[in-house]
């Protein structure tokens, strides 16, 4: 049994992918990480996932900028499908400070500009999962 992590899995594309994975790979465990912003909704996800008791479908409410949470989920995953994103320019109008903070948080403090996500990919490679 593989564990598939889908970031942004409650958005339109992510949720459709989650439904497809749940149907097509019944032996795999599917974990969704989503912040449920303007584009994501738990209503898009399989109902079994939302009850929290399904043995292979799990939802985590959270931000991909939360390094500790993403580290934990990536370490449990065999496959990571990274779909989390700000997809509309208008998202920066209502809460532009959040978008800027999210972008800054997703960068290493050493100024190299590598995102936290890529450091997770490096951890996966080191663990032989990527």
N, C-alpha and C. Protein backbone atom coordinates (compact mmCIF):
# COMPACT_ATOMS: atom_id res chain seq x y z
N UNK A 1 0.84 -1.18 0.00
CA UNK A 1 0.00 0.00 0.00
C UNK A 1 0.89 1.24 0.00
N UNK A 2 0.66 2.11 -0.97
CA UNK A 2 1.37 3.39 -1.02
C UNK A 2 0.57 4.45 -0.27
N UNK A 3 1.26 5.48 0.18
CA UNK A 3 0.60 6.67 0.72
C UNK A 3 0.85 7.80 -0.24
N UNK A 4 -0.25 8.41 -0.72
CA UNK A 4 -0.18 9.50 -1.69
C UNK A 4 -0.62 10.77 -0.98
N UNK A 5 0.26 11.77 -0.92
CA UNK A 5 -0.06 13.07 -0.35
C UNK A 5 -0.41 14.03 -1.48
N UNK A 6 -1.58 14.67 -1.37
CA UNK A 6 -2.02 15.65 -2.37
C UNK A 6 -2.16 16.99 -1.67
N UNK A 7 -1.24 17.93 -1.95
CA UNK A 7 -1.39 19.27 -1.40
C UNK A 7 -2.34 20.03 -2.32
N UNK A 8 -3.19 20.86 -1.72
CA UNK A 8 -4.19 21.56 -2.53
C UNK A 8 -5.28 20.62 -3.01
N UNK A 9 -5.49 19.54 -2.29
CA UNK A 9 -6.42 18.50 -2.73
C UNK A 9 -7.89 18.83 -2.61
N UNK A 10 -8.23 19.98 -2.02
CA UNK A 10 -9.65 20.36 -1.92
C UNK A 10 -10.04 21.39 -2.97
N UNK A 11 -9.11 21.78 -3.82
CA UNK A 11 -9.43 22.66 -4.94
C UNK A 11 -10.08 21.88 -6.06
N UNK A 12 -10.44 22.56 -7.13
CA UNK A 12 -11.15 21.90 -8.23
C UNK A 12 -10.34 20.76 -8.83
N UNK A 13 -9.13 21.03 -9.24
CA UNK A 13 -8.30 19.99 -9.86
C UNK A 13 -7.90 18.95 -8.82
N UNK A 14 -7.47 19.40 -7.66
CA UNK A 14 -7.03 18.48 -6.61
C UNK A 14 -8.12 17.52 -6.18
N UNK A 15 -9.33 18.04 -5.98
CA UNK A 15 -10.43 17.18 -5.53
C UNK A 15 -10.80 16.15 -6.60
N UNK A 16 -10.78 16.57 -7.86
CA UNK A 16 -11.06 15.60 -8.93
C UNK A 16 -9.98 14.53 -8.98
N UNK A 17 -8.75 14.93 -8.76
CA UNK A 17 -7.66 13.96 -8.70
C UNK A 17 -7.84 13.01 -7.52
N UNK A 18 -8.22 13.53 -6.36
CA UNK A 18 -8.43 12.70 -5.17
C UNK A 18 -9.54 11.67 -5.43
N UNK A 19 -10.64 12.10 -6.04
CA UNK A 19 -11.73 11.16 -6.38
C UNK A 19 -11.21 10.08 -7.33
N UNK A 20 -10.44 10.49 -8.33
CA UNK A 20 -9.88 9.52 -9.29
C UNK A 20 -8.96 8.53 -8.59
N UNK A 21 -8.07 9.04 -7.73
CA UNK A 21 -7.15 8.16 -7.02
C UNK A 21 -7.89 7.18 -6.11
N UNK A 22 -8.91 7.68 -5.42
CA UNK A 22 -9.68 6.82 -4.51
C UNK A 22 -10.38 5.68 -5.26
N UNK A 23 -10.87 6.00 -6.48
CA UNK A 23 -11.54 4.96 -7.29
C UNK A 23 -10.53 4.02 -7.96
N UNK A 24 -9.47 4.60 -8.48
CA UNK A 24 -8.54 3.82 -9.31
C UNK A 24 -7.51 3.02 -8.51
N UNK A 25 -7.22 3.45 -7.31
CA UNK A 25 -6.20 2.80 -6.50
C UNK A 25 -6.75 2.49 -5.11
N UNK A 26 -7.68 1.54 -5.03
CA UNK A 26 -8.35 1.27 -3.76
C UNK A 26 -7.43 0.72 -2.67
N UNK A 27 -6.24 0.29 -3.05
CA UNK A 27 -5.32 -0.24 -2.05
C UNK A 27 -4.43 0.86 -1.46
N UNK A 28 -4.41 2.03 -2.05
CA UNK A 28 -3.54 3.10 -1.60
C UNK A 28 -4.22 4.01 -0.57
N UNK A 29 -3.39 4.60 0.25
CA UNK A 29 -3.84 5.57 1.25
C UNK A 29 -3.68 6.97 0.66
N UNK A 30 -4.71 7.81 0.79
CA UNK A 30 -4.68 9.15 0.21
C UNK A 30 -4.82 10.17 1.33
N UNK A 31 -3.85 11.08 1.37
CA UNK A 31 -3.82 12.13 2.37
C UNK A 31 -3.89 13.47 1.65
N UNK A 32 -4.83 14.32 2.07
CA UNK A 32 -5.00 15.65 1.48
C UNK A 32 -4.58 16.70 2.49
N UNK A 33 -3.76 17.65 2.05
CA UNK A 33 -3.40 18.82 2.85
C UNK A 33 -3.92 20.04 2.12
N UNK A 34 -4.78 20.82 2.78
CA UNK A 34 -5.34 22.00 2.13
C UNK A 34 -5.65 23.06 3.17
N UNK A 35 -5.47 24.31 2.80
CA UNK A 35 -5.74 25.44 3.67
C UNK A 35 -7.18 25.93 3.54
N UNK A 36 -7.90 25.40 2.56
CA UNK A 36 -9.31 25.75 2.33
C UNK A 36 -9.50 27.26 2.17
N UNK A 37 -8.71 27.83 1.27
CA UNK A 37 -8.87 29.25 0.95
C UNK A 37 -10.01 29.40 -0.06
N UNK A 38 -10.01 30.45 -0.84
CA UNK A 38 -11.08 30.75 -1.78
C UNK A 38 -11.35 29.64 -2.79
N UNK A 39 -10.35 28.84 -3.12
CA UNK A 39 -10.53 27.83 -4.17
C UNK A 39 -10.84 26.44 -3.63
N UNK A 40 -10.55 26.19 -2.36
CA UNK A 40 -10.73 24.86 -1.80
C UNK A 40 -11.96 24.76 -0.93
N UNK A 41 -12.58 23.60 -0.95
CA UNK A 41 -13.75 23.35 -0.11
C UNK A 41 -13.78 21.88 0.26
N UNK A 42 -14.06 21.60 1.53
CA UNK A 42 -14.15 20.20 1.93
C UNK A 42 -15.31 19.50 1.26
N UNK A 43 -16.27 20.27 0.77
CA UNK A 43 -17.41 19.68 0.07
C UNK A 43 -16.99 19.01 -1.24
N UNK A 44 -15.82 19.37 -1.75
CA UNK A 44 -15.32 18.77 -2.99
C UNK A 44 -14.77 17.36 -2.76
N UNK A 45 -14.43 17.04 -1.53
CA UNK A 45 -13.73 15.80 -1.22
C UNK A 45 -14.70 14.64 -0.98
N UNK A 46 -14.22 13.40 -1.10
CA UNK A 46 -15.08 12.25 -0.80
C UNK A 46 -15.62 12.34 0.63
N UNK A 47 -16.88 12.07 0.80
CA UNK A 47 -17.52 12.18 2.12
C UNK A 47 -16.86 11.27 3.15
N UNK A 48 -16.38 10.11 2.73
CA UNK A 48 -15.73 9.19 3.65
C UNK A 48 -14.49 9.83 4.27
N UNK A 49 -13.82 10.69 3.52
CA UNK A 49 -12.61 11.34 4.01
C UNK A 49 -12.94 12.30 5.14
N UNK A 50 -14.08 12.94 5.07
CA UNK A 50 -14.43 13.98 6.02
C UNK A 50 -14.88 13.43 7.36
N UNK A 51 -15.27 12.18 7.40
CA UNK A 51 -15.72 11.59 8.65
C UNK A 51 -14.55 11.27 9.58
N UNK A 52 -13.35 11.25 9.02
CA UNK A 52 -12.16 11.05 9.83
C UNK A 52 -11.91 9.64 10.33
N UNK A 53 -12.74 8.71 9.92
CA UNK A 53 -12.57 7.34 10.40
C UNK A 53 -12.22 6.37 9.28
N UNK A 54 -12.08 6.86 8.08
CA UNK A 54 -11.77 5.97 6.96
C UNK A 54 -10.31 5.53 7.06
N UNK A 55 -10.03 4.24 6.91
CA UNK A 55 -8.67 3.74 7.10
C UNK A 55 -7.66 4.22 6.05
N UNK A 56 -8.12 4.68 4.89
CA UNK A 56 -7.15 5.06 3.87
C UNK A 56 -7.37 6.45 3.28
N UNK A 57 -8.34 7.20 3.75
CA UNK A 57 -8.57 8.56 3.27
C UNK A 57 -8.50 9.52 4.45
N UNK A 58 -7.57 10.49 4.37
CA UNK A 58 -7.37 11.39 5.50
C UNK A 58 -7.21 12.83 5.02
N UNK A 59 -7.82 13.76 5.73
CA UNK A 59 -7.73 15.19 5.41
C UNK A 59 -7.00 15.93 6.53
N UNK A 60 -6.07 16.78 6.14
CA UNK A 60 -5.39 17.66 7.08
C UNK A 60 -5.65 19.10 6.66
N UNK A 61 -6.17 19.91 7.58
CA UNK A 61 -6.32 21.34 7.35
C UNK A 61 -5.00 21.98 7.72
N UNK A 62 -4.35 22.63 6.75
CA UNK A 62 -3.07 23.25 7.06
C UNK A 62 -2.44 23.89 5.85
N UNK A 63 -1.35 24.58 6.11
CA UNK A 63 -0.65 25.38 5.11
C UNK A 63 0.63 24.68 4.69
N UNK A 64 0.92 24.67 3.40
CA UNK A 64 2.17 24.06 2.93
C UNK A 64 3.39 24.83 3.42
N UNK A 65 3.19 26.03 3.94
CA UNK A 65 4.29 26.80 4.53
C UNK A 65 4.61 26.35 5.95
N UNK A 66 3.80 25.50 6.52
CA UNK A 66 4.04 24.96 7.86
C UNK A 66 5.03 23.81 7.71
N UNK A 67 6.30 24.11 7.89
CA UNK A 67 7.35 23.13 7.62
C UNK A 67 7.21 21.87 8.46
N UNK A 68 6.86 22.03 9.73
CA UNK A 68 6.75 20.85 10.60
C UNK A 68 5.64 19.92 10.13
N UNK A 69 4.49 20.49 9.76
CA UNK A 69 3.37 19.67 9.28
C UNK A 69 3.72 18.99 7.96
N UNK A 70 4.29 19.76 7.03
CA UNK A 70 4.63 19.19 5.73
C UNK A 70 5.71 18.13 5.88
N UNK A 71 6.70 18.38 6.74
CA UNK A 71 7.73 17.36 6.99
C UNK A 71 7.11 16.06 7.44
N UNK A 72 6.19 16.15 8.41
CA UNK A 72 5.56 14.95 8.94
C UNK A 72 4.81 14.20 7.83
N UNK A 73 4.00 14.93 7.04
CA UNK A 73 3.20 14.29 6.00
C UNK A 73 4.07 13.74 4.87
N UNK A 74 5.10 14.49 4.48
CA UNK A 74 5.99 14.02 3.41
C UNK A 74 6.75 12.77 3.86
N UNK A 75 7.16 12.74 5.12
CA UNK A 75 7.88 11.58 5.62
C UNK A 75 7.02 10.33 5.62
N UNK A 76 5.70 10.49 5.72
CA UNK A 76 4.78 9.35 5.68
C UNK A 76 4.42 8.95 4.25
N UNK A 77 4.71 9.83 3.29
CA UNK A 77 4.24 9.64 1.91
C UNK A 77 5.24 8.87 1.06
N UNK A 78 4.69 8.11 0.12
CA UNK A 78 5.50 7.49 -0.93
C UNK A 78 5.47 8.32 -2.20
N UNK A 79 4.38 9.06 -2.38
CA UNK A 79 4.17 9.91 -3.56
C UNK A 79 3.64 11.25 -3.07
N UNK A 80 4.19 12.36 -3.61
CA UNK A 80 3.69 13.69 -3.28
C UNK A 80 3.24 14.36 -4.57
N UNK A 81 1.97 14.78 -4.60
CA UNK A 81 1.43 15.52 -5.73
C UNK A 81 1.13 16.93 -5.23
N UNK A 82 1.97 17.88 -5.62
CA UNK A 82 1.92 19.24 -5.07
C UNK A 82 1.06 20.13 -5.98
N UNK A 83 -0.18 20.38 -5.54
CA UNK A 83 -1.11 21.21 -6.32
C UNK A 83 -1.49 22.49 -5.59
N UNK A 84 -1.00 22.70 -4.39
CA UNK A 84 -1.36 23.89 -3.63
C UNK A 84 -0.75 25.13 -4.29
N UNK A 85 -1.59 26.16 -4.44
CA UNK A 85 -1.11 27.39 -5.09
C UNK A 85 -2.13 28.50 -4.92
N UNK A 86 -1.66 29.74 -5.05
CA UNK A 86 -2.56 30.88 -5.22
C UNK A 86 -2.78 30.98 -6.72
N UNK A 87 -4.01 30.78 -7.15
CA UNK A 87 -4.26 30.72 -8.59
C UNK A 87 -4.88 31.98 -9.16
N UNK A 88 -5.30 32.89 -8.30
CA UNK A 88 -5.94 34.10 -8.80
C UNK A 88 -5.17 35.32 -8.31
N UNK A 89 -4.92 36.24 -9.20
CA UNK A 89 -4.29 37.49 -8.81
C UNK A 89 -5.13 38.26 -7.82
N UNK A 90 -6.45 38.08 -7.87
CA UNK A 90 -7.33 38.80 -6.96
C UNK A 90 -7.14 38.36 -5.51
N UNK A 91 -6.50 37.21 -5.29
CA UNK A 91 -6.25 36.77 -3.91
C UNK A 91 -5.32 37.74 -3.20
N UNK A 92 -4.49 38.43 -3.97
CA UNK A 92 -3.55 39.36 -3.35
C UNK A 92 -4.22 40.68 -2.99
N UNK A 93 -5.39 40.94 -3.50
CA UNK A 93 -6.07 42.21 -3.21
C UNK A 93 -6.66 42.20 -1.80
N UNK A 94 -7.42 41.17 -1.49
CA UNK A 94 -8.09 41.11 -0.20
C UNK A 94 -7.15 40.86 0.96
N UNK A 95 -6.12 40.08 0.76
CA UNK A 95 -5.22 39.73 1.84
C UNK A 95 -3.79 39.66 1.30
N UNK A 96 -3.35 40.77 0.73
CA UNK A 96 -2.04 40.77 0.09
C UNK A 96 -0.91 40.51 1.09
N UNK A 97 -1.08 40.93 2.34
CA UNK A 97 -0.04 40.69 3.33
C UNK A 97 0.15 39.19 3.59
N UNK A 98 -0.96 38.44 3.57
CA UNK A 98 -0.85 37.00 3.77
C UNK A 98 -0.08 36.36 2.62
N UNK A 99 -0.39 36.77 1.40
CA UNK A 99 0.29 36.19 0.23
C UNK A 99 1.78 36.49 0.30
N UNK A 100 2.12 37.70 0.68
CA UNK A 100 3.54 38.06 0.82
C UNK A 100 4.18 37.24 1.93
N UNK A 101 3.50 37.13 3.09
CA UNK A 101 4.04 36.32 4.20
C UNK A 101 4.22 34.87 3.78
N UNK A 102 3.23 34.34 3.06
CA UNK A 102 3.32 32.94 2.61
C UNK A 102 4.52 32.76 1.70
N UNK A 103 4.73 33.71 0.80
CA UNK A 103 5.88 33.63 -0.10
C UNK A 103 7.19 33.74 0.65
N UNK A 104 7.23 34.62 1.64
CA UNK A 104 8.45 34.78 2.44
C UNK A 104 8.69 33.55 3.30
N UNK A 105 7.65 33.00 3.88
CA UNK A 105 7.78 31.82 4.72
C UNK A 105 8.29 30.65 3.91
N UNK A 106 7.91 30.59 2.65
CA UNK A 106 8.28 29.46 1.80
C UNK A 106 9.70 29.58 1.26
N UNK A 107 10.43 30.56 1.73
CA UNK A 107 11.82 30.71 1.28
C UNK A 107 12.76 30.44 2.45
N UNK A 108 13.86 29.82 2.15
CA UNK A 108 14.85 29.58 3.20
C UNK A 108 15.38 30.90 3.70
N UNK A 109 15.76 30.93 4.94
CA UNK A 109 16.26 32.15 5.55
C UNK A 109 17.64 32.52 5.06
N UNK A 110 18.34 31.63 4.39
CA UNK A 110 19.70 31.92 3.93
C UNK A 110 19.73 32.73 2.64
N UNK A 111 18.55 33.07 2.11
CA UNK A 111 18.48 33.94 0.94
C UNK A 111 18.66 33.24 -0.39
N UNK A 112 18.82 31.93 -0.40
CA UNK A 112 19.00 31.23 -1.68
C UNK A 112 17.71 31.14 -2.47
N UNK A 113 16.57 31.41 -1.82
CA UNK A 113 15.30 31.41 -2.53
C UNK A 113 14.73 30.04 -2.82
N UNK A 114 15.22 29.01 -2.16
CA UNK A 114 14.66 27.68 -2.36
C UNK A 114 13.43 27.53 -1.49
N UNK A 115 12.38 27.00 -2.03
CA UNK A 115 11.15 26.88 -1.24
C UNK A 115 11.25 25.73 -0.26
N UNK A 116 10.45 25.81 0.79
CA UNK A 116 10.37 24.73 1.77
C UNK A 116 10.03 23.43 1.07
N UNK A 117 9.17 23.52 0.05
CA UNK A 117 8.75 22.31 -0.64
C UNK A 117 9.94 21.56 -1.23
N UNK A 118 10.88 22.29 -1.82
CA UNK A 118 12.01 21.61 -2.41
C UNK A 118 12.90 20.98 -1.35
N UNK A 119 12.95 21.57 -0.16
CA UNK A 119 13.71 20.91 0.90
C UNK A 119 13.03 19.60 1.29
N UNK A 120 11.70 19.55 1.20
CA UNK A 120 10.99 18.29 1.44
C UNK A 120 11.32 17.27 0.37
N UNK A 121 11.42 17.71 -0.88
CA UNK A 121 11.79 16.81 -1.97
C UNK A 121 13.19 16.24 -1.71
N UNK A 122 14.09 17.08 -1.24
CA UNK A 122 15.43 16.59 -0.93
C UNK A 122 15.38 15.55 0.19
N UNK A 123 14.51 15.75 1.17
CA UNK A 123 14.37 14.76 2.24
C UNK A 123 13.82 13.45 1.69
N UNK A 124 12.89 13.54 0.75
CA UNK A 124 12.35 12.34 0.12
C UNK A 124 13.45 11.60 -0.63
N UNK A 125 14.27 12.35 -1.37
CA UNK A 125 15.36 11.72 -2.10
C UNK A 125 16.31 11.00 -1.14
N UNK A 126 16.63 11.67 -0.04
CA UNK A 126 17.54 11.08 0.93
C UNK A 126 16.96 9.80 1.54
N UNK A 127 15.63 9.78 1.66
CA UNK A 127 14.97 8.59 2.21
C UNK A 127 14.69 7.54 1.15
N UNK A 128 15.09 7.82 -0.10
CA UNK A 128 14.87 6.86 -1.18
C UNK A 128 13.43 6.83 -1.68
N UNK A 129 12.67 7.91 -1.47
CA UNK A 129 11.26 7.95 -1.88
C UNK A 129 11.04 8.81 -3.11
N UNK A 130 12.06 9.49 -3.61
CA UNK A 130 11.87 10.35 -4.78
C UNK A 130 12.84 9.97 -5.88
